[in-house]
């Protein structure tokens, strides 16, 4: 059992900022396995806008990891709390929404959440918190708020900043963490997920569960994903978001516009953060991409293009991703050097790009002095792959043969002397011819 506890703990804690209390997740997993029951994992979303974006998808992906390990996700649609508006990270009171706006937004939220979550009823329950919060009497509300103190709520960073700046704080805003906390009591949550700005609310859930003599939930906070500006968290309010329902070409282009790293952040930090948070890559896979970027085996543009393809494929499908990449290449990428081919042959020459008249070109830095070349780069230059990242993926999928031999390692280099056969999948076969420079 210890091995399974460690396996689940490694997966579920990957990418998390904090797990509170520190040993809580491990203890919950152990109880789950011992009692042979799934954990109840809560994620609350307030339908304050009509669309979800990649920032919303971060906790949804973590929720999916819990599902894949056999636990039960409870997605709480905050159709009642949305009428108040979450004050987390806000410097001013949110404008109120009408019940009609909330109802319309809630419908789109559930539809879009299924792009990430497993909709098996054994693994997913969708609850609307108006079912319980909307029926509270004033007496019930008084008893509930009596379990919290104003001093305890003012400890919250955003409230304290507004209080010190003499900016108004609505009394109803103090009720928001109380209502979110009661959601945890209602469903008897074992785990609650949220962004780093939700820490106070998640801990309020623990506090209220204890007062209701329930085993308190574990709070698992996740990083906030920066938007296309590379600075502020992704938000429709900042116009830096990438919506899950964007047209494929628009989604692809938005990802390509994300900076490689944020201000005063390590090289390639945002590329790697998007792989981890937007796609759910585990740490070892992200580390491999980081190592290739640092070793210059992977061009940052190719890494980002692969990222964009994967994001679109995840939410729109592989065909849409292929079309979006082709559209992006046609509009923005430097046109690839043309090749001359007959039947299944492609001619690869070694001529300086500036002197091309016919045939095609392998740039000097691509082909080494001894005639060897990195296979993913060869796939790009022959037109068999759109990027070195796609070339690596083709190799990992056992789709590339050189001189009849299956290539299994993406780091492989091969020597071209002329006449070699390069096969990509079942339909692409290229005969390579090496012409001398200036021939």
Protein backbone atom coordinates (compact mmCIF):
# COMPACT_ATOMS: atom_id res chain seq x y z
CA UNK A 1 0.00 0.00 0.00
CA UNK A 2 2.89 2.36 0.74
CA UNK A 3 3.97 2.18 -2.90
CA UNK A 4 0.49 3.15 -4.10
CA UNK A 5 0.30 5.98 -1.56
CA UNK A 6 3.58 7.37 -2.86
CA UNK A 7 2.49 6.99 -6.49
CA UNK A 8 -0.73 8.91 -5.92
CA UNK A 9 0.96 11.51 -3.75
CA UNK A 10 3.63 12.19 -6.40
CA UNK A 11 1.00 12.68 -9.11
CA UNK A 12 -1.48 14.72 -7.09
CA UNK A 13 1.06 17.03 -5.46
CA UNK A 14 2.92 17.74 -8.70
CA UNK A 15 2.53 21.37 -9.71
CA UNK A 16 0.89 22.31 -6.39
CA UNK A 17 2.08 25.40 -4.53
CA UNK A 18 0.91 24.31 -1.09
CA UNK A 19 -0.75 21.35 0.55
CA UNK A 20 -2.26 22.33 3.89
CA UNK A 21 -1.62 20.72 6.27
CA UNK A 22 1.66 19.42 4.86
CA UNK A 23 1.02 15.74 5.57
CA UNK A 24 -2.72 15.98 4.98
CA UNK A 25 -2.86 14.71 1.41
CA UNK A 26 -0.78 11.63 2.24
CA UNK A 27 -3.04 10.86 5.21
CA UNK A 28 -6.20 11.25 3.11
CA UNK A 29 -4.86 8.93 0.40
CA UNK A 30 -3.93 6.35 3.03
CA UNK A 31 -7.44 6.42 4.51
CA UNK A 32 -8.97 6.18 1.04
CA UNK A 33 -6.97 3.05 0.23
CA UNK A 34 -7.51 1.47 3.65
CA UNK A 35 -11.28 2.02 3.57
CA UNK A 36 -11.53 1.36 -0.17
CA UNK A 37 -13.51 4.53 -0.78
CA UNK A 38 -12.85 7.43 -3.15
CA UNK A 39 -11.91 10.84 -1.82
CA UNK A 40 -14.44 13.63 -2.31
CA UNK A 41 -12.51 16.35 -4.14
CA UNK A 42 -14.14 19.76 -4.39
CA UNK A 43 -13.63 22.52 -6.90
CA UNK A 44 -15.89 25.55 -6.85
CA UNK A 45 -16.32 27.84 -9.85
CA UNK A 46 -18.41 30.99 -9.95
CA UNK A 47 -20.04 31.59 -13.36
CA UNK A 48 -19.19 35.31 -13.45
CA UNK A 49 -18.36 35.24 -17.19
CA UNK A 50 -19.69 33.16 -20.10
CA UNK A 51 -16.49 31.28 -20.94
CA UNK A 52 -13.74 29.28 -19.30
CA UNK A 53 -10.10 29.89 -20.25
CA UNK A 54 -6.80 28.06 -19.80
CA UNK A 55 -6.39 29.59 -16.34
CA UNK A 56 -9.63 27.93 -15.23
CA UNK A 57 -8.40 24.68 -16.76
CA UNK A 58 -5.47 24.46 -14.31
CA UNK A 59 -7.56 23.27 -11.32
CA UNK A 60 -9.83 21.31 -13.70
CA UNK A 61 -6.79 19.33 -14.86
CA UNK A 62 -5.76 18.64 -11.30
CA UNK A 63 -9.33 17.52 -10.60
CA UNK A 64 -9.07 15.16 -13.58
CA UNK A 65 -5.91 13.63 -12.08
CA UNK A 66 -7.89 12.79 -8.94
CA UNK A 67 -10.60 11.24 -11.13
CA UNK A 68 -8.07 9.15 -13.06
CA UNK A 69 -6.83 7.73 -9.75
CA UNK A 70 -10.34 6.61 -8.82
CA UNK A 71 -11.49 9.54 -6.69
CA UNK A 72 -14.75 11.49 -7.05
CA UNK A 73 -14.77 15.06 -8.29
CA UNK A 74 -17.48 17.41 -7.09
CA UNK A 75 -17.71 20.50 -9.27
CA UNK A 76 -19.66 23.15 -7.43
CA UNK A 77 -21.21 25.75 -9.69
CA UNK A 78 -21.46 28.84 -7.51
CA UNK A 79 -24.71 30.15 -8.91
CA UNK A 80 -25.49 31.64 -5.49
CA UNK A 81 -21.99 32.85 -4.52
CA UNK A 82 -21.68 34.45 -7.97
CA UNK A 83 -24.40 36.88 -6.95
CA UNK A 84 -21.94 38.19 -4.33
CA UNK A 85 -18.72 37.83 -6.30
CA UNK A 86 -15.44 36.44 -4.99
CA UNK A 87 -13.39 39.30 -3.48
CA UNK A 88 -10.14 37.29 -3.81
CA UNK A 89 -7.42 39.46 -5.31
CA UNK A 90 -9.83 42.33 -5.92
CA UNK A 91 -9.03 45.94 -5.12
CA UNK A 92 -12.70 46.93 -5.42
CA UNK A 93 -16.13 45.41 -4.97
CA UNK A 94 -17.24 43.32 -7.94
CA UNK A 95 -20.26 44.58 -9.88
CA UNK A 96 -23.30 42.42 -9.11
CA UNK A 97 -24.69 39.96 -11.66
CA UNK A 98 -28.34 39.25 -12.30
CA UNK A 99 -29.71 35.73 -11.69
CA UNK A 100 -30.36 35.46 -15.44
CA UNK A 101 -26.70 36.22 -16.28
CA UNK A 102 -25.54 33.66 -13.74
CA UNK A 103 -27.88 31.00 -15.14
CA UNK A 104 -26.64 31.49 -18.72
CA UNK A 105 -22.99 31.47 -17.64
CA UNK A 106 -23.48 28.36 -15.50
CA UNK A 107 -24.73 26.38 -18.52
CA UNK A 108 -21.64 27.22 -20.59
CA UNK A 109 -19.34 26.43 -17.65
CA UNK A 110 -20.59 22.88 -17.30
CA UNK A 111 -20.42 22.26 -21.06
CA UNK A 112 -16.83 23.51 -21.24
CA UNK A 113 -15.69 21.70 -18.08
CA UNK A 114 -16.41 18.41 -19.84
CA UNK A 115 -13.55 19.22 -22.22
CA UNK A 116 -11.28 18.33 -19.28
CA UNK A 117 -13.24 16.24 -16.80
CA UNK A 118 -14.39 12.64 -17.00
CA UNK A 119 -18.20 12.84 -17.10
CA UNK A 120 -18.68 9.32 -15.71
CA UNK A 121 -21.27 9.72 -12.91
CA UNK A 122 -19.14 7.47 -10.73
CA UNK A 123 -16.32 9.99 -11.00
CA UNK A 124 -18.13 13.33 -11.26
CA UNK A 125 -20.94 15.11 -9.47
CA UNK A 126 -22.08 18.62 -10.37
CA UNK A 127 -23.76 20.60 -7.61
CA UNK A 128 -25.26 24.10 -7.58
CA UNK A 129 -24.79 25.89 -4.27
CA UNK A 130 -28.06 27.80 -4.63
CA UNK A 131 -29.73 24.49 -3.65
CA UNK A 132 -28.62 24.96 -0.06
CA UNK A 133 -27.46 28.58 0.31
CA UNK A 134 -30.58 29.90 -1.41
CA UNK A 135 -32.84 28.23 1.16
CA UNK A 136 -31.10 29.58 4.29
CA UNK A 137 -33.25 31.54 6.69
CA UNK A 138 -31.87 34.69 8.30
CA UNK A 139 -31.58 32.74 11.56
CA UNK A 140 -29.42 30.12 9.83
CA UNK A 141 -27.18 32.84 8.38
CA UNK A 142 -26.73 34.43 11.81
CA UNK A 143 -25.74 31.10 13.35
CA UNK A 144 -23.31 30.47 10.50
CA UNK A 145 -21.61 33.88 10.64
CA UNK A 146 -21.30 33.56 14.42
CA UNK A 147 -18.64 30.92 13.80
CA UNK A 148 -16.31 33.56 12.29
CA UNK A 149 -14.87 36.84 13.55
CA UNK A 150 -14.37 40.16 11.77
CA UNK A 151 -10.74 40.19 12.93
CA UNK A 152 -10.24 36.77 11.38
CA UNK A 153 -11.68 37.94 8.07
CA UNK A 154 -9.61 41.14 8.06
CA UNK A 155 -6.46 39.04 8.22
CA UNK A 156 -7.19 38.28 4.59
CA UNK A 157 -4.67 40.18 2.46
CA UNK A 158 -7.04 41.78 -0.04
CA UNK A 159 -9.43 42.94 2.71
CA UNK A 160 -6.56 44.36 4.76
CA UNK A 161 -5.15 46.29 1.79
CA UNK A 162 -8.52 47.82 1.02
CA UNK A 163 -9.12 48.62 4.68
CA UNK A 164 -5.76 50.38 5.04
CA UNK A 165 -6.32 52.27 1.80
CA UNK A 166 -9.73 53.36 3.12
CA UNK A 167 -11.42 51.69 0.16
CA UNK A 168 -14.95 50.37 0.76
CA UNK A 169 -15.57 46.73 1.64
CA UNK A 170 -19.16 45.60 1.30
CA UNK A 171 -20.59 43.67 4.24
CA UNK A 172 -21.78 41.02 1.77
CA UNK A 173 -18.13 40.43 0.73
CA UNK A 174 -17.35 39.18 4.24
CA UNK A 175 -20.01 36.55 3.68
CA UNK A 176 -18.32 35.12 0.59
CA UNK A 177 -15.68 32.95 2.35
CA UNK A 178 -18.37 31.86 4.81
CA UNK A 179 -20.59 30.65 1.97
CA UNK A 180 -17.75 28.90 0.16
CA UNK A 181 -16.75 27.26 3.43
CA UNK A 182 -20.28 25.95 3.92
CA UNK A 183 -20.12 24.31 0.48
CA UNK A 184 -17.38 22.08 1.91
CA UNK A 185 -19.59 21.19 4.87
CA UNK A 186 -22.53 20.38 2.60
CA UNK A 187 -20.61 17.85 0.48
CA UNK A 188 -18.26 16.68 3.29
CA UNK A 189 -15.20 17.45 1.15
CA UNK A 190 -11.94 15.60 1.75
CA UNK A 191 -9.90 17.85 -0.54
CA UNK A 192 -10.53 21.32 -1.95
CA UNK A 193 -8.62 22.72 -4.91
CA UNK A 194 -8.08 26.37 -5.76
CA UNK A 195 -5.68 28.93 -7.11
CA UNK A 196 -3.11 30.52 -4.83
CA UNK A 197 -5.50 33.46 -4.37
CA UNK A 198 -8.07 31.07 -2.87
CA UNK A 199 -5.97 30.01 0.12
CA UNK A 200 -8.01 31.98 2.66
CA UNK A 201 -11.31 30.58 1.38
CA UNK A 202 -10.00 27.00 1.39
CA UNK A 203 -8.76 27.31 4.96
CA UNK A 204 -12.10 28.80 5.98
CA UNK A 205 -13.65 25.54 4.75
CA UNK A 206 -11.37 23.57 7.09
CA UNK A 207 -12.33 25.85 9.97
CA UNK A 208 -16.05 25.49 9.43
CA UNK A 209 -15.91 21.73 8.94
CA UNK A 210 -14.20 21.39 12.32
CA UNK A 211 -16.96 23.46 13.94
CA UNK A 212 -19.51 21.09 12.36
CA UNK A 213 -17.47 18.16 13.77
CA UNK A 214 -16.41 16.94 10.35
CA UNK A 215 -12.94 15.75 9.41
CA UNK A 216 -11.44 18.94 7.92
CA UNK A 217 -10.54 19.01 4.24
CA UNK A 218 -7.04 19.30 2.86
CA UNK A 219 -6.42 22.54 0.97
CA UNK A 220 -4.40 22.16 -2.22
CA UNK A 221 -3.44 25.44 -3.90
CA UNK A 222 -2.22 25.74 -7.47
CA UNK A 223 -0.22 28.44 -9.27
CA UNK A 224 -2.02 31.11 -11.25
CA UNK A 225 -1.32 30.93 -14.98
CA UNK A 226 -0.10 34.15 -16.53
CA UNK A 227 -1.97 35.35 -19.59
CA UNK A 228 -0.70 36.31 -23.02
CA UNK A 229 0.98 39.42 -21.59
CA UNK A 230 3.24 37.17 -19.52
CA UNK A 231 2.76 39.34 -16.42
CA UNK A 232 -0.74 39.28 -14.93
CA UNK A 233 -2.84 36.23 -14.19
CA UNK A 234 -5.01 35.09 -17.08
CA UNK A 235 -8.29 36.93 -16.93
CA UNK A 236 -10.96 38.14 -19.30
CA UNK A 237 -10.85 41.43 -17.38
CA UNK A 238 -7.23 41.92 -18.48
CA UNK A 239 -7.93 40.81 -22.07
CA UNK A 240 -5.02 38.36 -21.84
CA UNK A 241 -7.00 35.13 -21.78
CA UNK A 242 -7.09 32.09 -24.07
CA UNK A 243 -10.65 30.78 -24.07
CA UNK A 244 -11.41 27.07 -24.27
CA UNK A 245 -13.97 27.82 -26.97
CA UNK A 246 -11.77 30.10 -29.09
CA UNK A 247 -11.55 29.23 -32.76
CA UNK A 248 -8.59 26.83 -33.25
CA UNK A 249 -6.50 29.30 -35.28
CA UNK A 250 -7.11 32.04 -32.71
CA UNK A 251 -6.26 29.71 -29.83
CA UNK A 252 -3.06 28.58 -31.59
CA UNK A 253 -2.01 32.18 -32.31
CA UNK A 254 -2.71 33.31 -28.73
CA UNK A 255 -0.46 30.57 -27.32
CA UNK A 256 2.29 31.52 -29.77
CA UNK A 257 2.13 35.11 -28.46
CA UNK A 258 2.86 34.09 -24.86
CA UNK A 259 6.41 35.27 -23.98
CA UNK A 260 9.08 32.63 -23.40
CA UNK A 261 9.48 33.87 -19.83
CA UNK A 262 8.02 36.51 -17.57
CA UNK A 263 9.82 39.57 -16.16
CA UNK A 264 12.75 38.59 -13.94
CA UNK A 265 11.93 34.90 -14.36
CA UNK A 266 14.26 32.08 -15.49
CA UNK A 267 14.71 31.37 -19.19
CA UNK A 268 11.80 29.58 -20.83
CA UNK A 269 9.86 29.72 -17.54
CA UNK A 270 6.48 30.49 -19.12
CA UNK A 271 6.85 27.90 -21.87
CA UNK A 272 7.53 25.27 -19.22
CA UNK A 273 4.78 26.57 -16.92
CA UNK A 274 2.23 26.26 -19.73
CA UNK A 275 3.33 22.67 -20.42
CA UNK A 276 2.85 21.85 -16.75
CA UNK A 277 -0.30 23.81 -15.95
CA UNK A 278 -2.17 24.13 -19.25
CA UNK A 279 -1.42 20.57 -20.40
CA UNK A 280 -0.85 18.77 -17.11
CA UNK A 281 2.61 17.42 -17.99
CA UNK A 282 4.26 15.72 -15.02
CA UNK A 283 7.58 17.11 -13.67
CA UNK A 284 9.85 14.56 -15.38
CA UNK A 285 8.43 15.37 -18.80
CA UNK A 286 8.68 19.12 -18.19
CA UNK A 287 12.27 18.65 -16.99
CA UNK A 288 13.14 16.82 -20.22
CA UNK A 289 11.78 19.72 -22.29
CA UNK A 290 13.72 22.18 -20.12
CA UNK A 291 16.94 20.22 -20.59
CA UNK A 292 16.51 20.16 -24.39
CA UNK A 293 15.85 23.91 -24.43
CA UNK A 294 18.94 24.63 -22.35
CA UNK A 295 21.09 22.31 -24.48
CA UNK A 296 19.70 23.99 -27.61
CA UNK A 297 18.47 20.65 -28.88
CA UNK A 298 15.00 22.19 -28.95
CA UNK A 299 14.33 25.60 -30.41
CA UNK A 300 12.07 27.75 -28.17
CA UNK A 301 9.85 28.53 -31.16
CA UNK A 302 9.43 24.82 -31.88
CA UNK A 303 8.68 24.17 -28.20
CA UNK A 304 6.01 26.85 -28.25
CA UNK A 305 4.58 25.62 -31.55
CA UNK A 306 4.29 22.12 -30.11
CA UNK A 307 2.68 23.63 -27.01
CA UNK A 308 0.15 25.49 -29.14
CA UNK A 309 -0.61 22.34 -31.15
CA UNK A 310 -1.14 20.30 -27.98
CA UNK A 311 -3.41 22.95 -26.44
CA UNK A 312 -5.61 23.14 -29.53
CA UNK A 313 -5.64 19.34 -29.91
CA UNK A 314 -6.71 18.96 -26.27
CA UNK A 315 -9.72 21.25 -26.57
CA UNK A 316 -10.57 21.20 -30.28
CA UNK A 317 -9.18 17.89 -31.60
CA UNK A 318 -6.11 16.83 -33.61
CA UNK A 319 -7.50 17.79 -37.03
CA UNK A 320 -8.29 21.29 -35.80
CA UNK A 321 -4.78 21.53 -34.33
CA UNK A 322 -3.19 20.49 -37.63
CA UNK A 323 -5.26 23.06 -39.52
CA UNK A 324 -4.43 25.79 -36.99
CA UNK A 325 -0.70 25.08 -37.28
CA UNK A 326 -0.87 25.14 -41.08
CA UNK A 327 -2.75 28.44 -40.94
CA UNK A 328 -0.18 29.93 -38.56
CA UNK A 329 2.73 28.74 -40.71
CA UNK A 330 1.17 30.20 -43.83
CA UNK A 331 0.63 33.60 -42.20
CA UNK A 332 3.60 34.10 -39.91
CA UNK A 333 6.35 31.54 -40.28
CA UNK A 334 9.26 32.12 -42.69
CA UNK A 335 8.39 30.11 -45.79
CA UNK A 336 10.24 26.83 -45.85
CA UNK A 337 12.71 26.25 -48.67
CA UNK A 338 11.04 24.49 -51.55
CA UNK A 339 11.98 20.93 -52.45
CA UNK A 340 11.91 19.14 -55.77
CA UNK A 341 10.43 15.67 -55.63
CA UNK A 342 9.27 12.92 -57.94
CA UNK A 343 7.00 10.14 -56.77
CA UNK A 344 8.28 9.29 -53.27
CA UNK A 345 11.66 11.00 -53.55
CA UNK A 346 12.77 14.21 -51.88
CA UNK A 347 16.11 15.73 -52.77
CA UNK A 348 18.13 17.11 -49.87
CA UNK A 349 21.17 19.19 -50.82
CA UNK A 350 23.84 21.01 -48.86
CA UNK A 351 23.99 24.43 -50.50
CA UNK A 352 24.14 27.84 -48.78
CA UNK A 353 20.63 29.30 -48.65
CA UNK A 354 21.68 32.45 -50.46
CA UNK A 355 22.81 30.49 -53.51
CA UNK A 356 19.74 28.32 -53.97
CA UNK A 357 18.56 28.10 -57.57
CA UNK A 358 17.02 24.62 -57.71
CA UNK A 359 16.82 21.60 -55.42
CA UNK A 360 16.57 22.37 -51.69
CA UNK A 361 18.80 23.15 -48.78
CA UNK A 362 20.13 21.81 -45.51
CA UNK A 363 21.59 24.77 -43.64
CA UNK A 364 25.26 24.55 -42.61
CA UNK A 365 24.43 24.35 -38.89
CA UNK A 366 21.94 21.54 -39.45
CA UNK A 367 24.37 19.22 -41.24
CA UNK A 368 27.67 18.69 -39.44
CA UNK A 369 31.03 18.50 -41.16
CA UNK A 370 31.01 14.70 -40.99
CA UNK A 371 27.60 14.62 -42.71
CA UNK A 372 25.55 13.76 -39.60
CA UNK A 373 22.29 15.45 -38.68
CA UNK A 374 19.87 15.29 -35.77
CA UNK A 375 16.91 13.21 -36.95
CA UNK A 376 14.09 15.56 -35.78
CA UNK A 377 15.80 18.37 -37.70
CA UNK A 378 16.06 16.15 -40.78
CA UNK A 379 12.32 15.46 -40.56
CA UNK A 380 11.63 19.20 -40.57
CA UNK A 381 13.96 19.96 -43.47
CA UNK A 382 12.47 17.23 -45.65
CA UNK A 383 8.97 18.46 -44.86
CA UNK A 384 8.05 15.31 -42.98
CA UNK A 385 7.39 17.24 -39.77
CA UNK A 386 6.27 20.78 -39.04
CA UNK A 387 8.68 21.23 -36.13
CA UNK A 388 11.42 19.37 -34.29
CA UNK A 389 8.93 18.82 -31.46
CA UNK A 390 6.61 17.04 -33.87
CA UNK A 391 9.63 15.12 -35.17
CA UNK A 392 10.44 13.96 -31.65
CA UNK A 393 6.85 12.89 -31.17
CA UNK A 394 6.88 10.90 -34.42
CA UNK A 395 10.02 9.10 -33.25
CA UNK A 396 8.50 8.38 -29.82
CA UNK A 397 5.45 6.94 -31.60
CA UNK A 398 7.72 4.51 -33.53
CA UNK A 399 6.93 6.25 -36.79
CA UNK A 400 10.42 6.90 -38.23
CA UNK A 401 12.84 4.56 -40.03
CA UNK A 402 16.22 5.43 -41.54
CA UNK A 403 17.82 2.92 -43.90
CA UNK A 404 15.18 0.46 -42.77
CA UNK A 405 16.11 0.74 -39.09
CA UNK A 406 13.53 1.96 -36.59
CA UNK A 407 14.61 5.15 -34.79
CA UNK A 408 13.55 4.98 -31.14
CA UNK A 409 15.63 7.72 -29.50
CA UNK A 410 14.75 11.36 -30.36
CA UNK A 411 18.39 12.33 -29.71
CA UNK A 412 19.64 10.11 -32.56
CA UNK A 413 21.88 11.59 -35.27
CA UNK A 414 22.32 9.90 -38.65
CA UNK A 415 24.92 10.26 -41.39
CA UNK A 416 23.85 11.18 -44.92
CA UNK A 417 26.11 10.00 -47.74
CA UNK A 418 23.48 9.79 -50.45
CA UNK A 419 20.83 7.28 -51.37
CA UNK A 420 19.48 6.68 -47.86
CA UNK A 421 15.78 6.05 -47.48
CA UNK A 422 13.88 7.98 -44.78
CA UNK A 423 10.43 6.64 -43.94
CA UNK A 424 7.89 8.53 -41.83
CA UNK A 425 4.81 6.54 -41.02
CA UNK A 426 3.32 4.36 -43.73
CA UNK A 427 2.93 6.89 -46.52
CA UNK A 428 5.95 9.20 -46.50
CA UNK A 429 9.13 7.78 -48.00
CA UNK A 430 12.04 10.02 -49.00
CA UNK A 431 15.25 9.23 -50.88
CA UNK A 432 18.03 11.52 -49.75
CA UNK A 433 20.66 12.85 -52.17
CA UNK A 434 23.57 14.89 -50.89
CA UNK A 435 25.01 17.36 -53.35
CA UNK A 436 28.28 19.18 -52.62
CA UNK A 437 28.26 22.84 -51.68
CA UNK A 438 28.16 25.18 -54.69
CA UNK A 439 27.44 22.30 -57.04
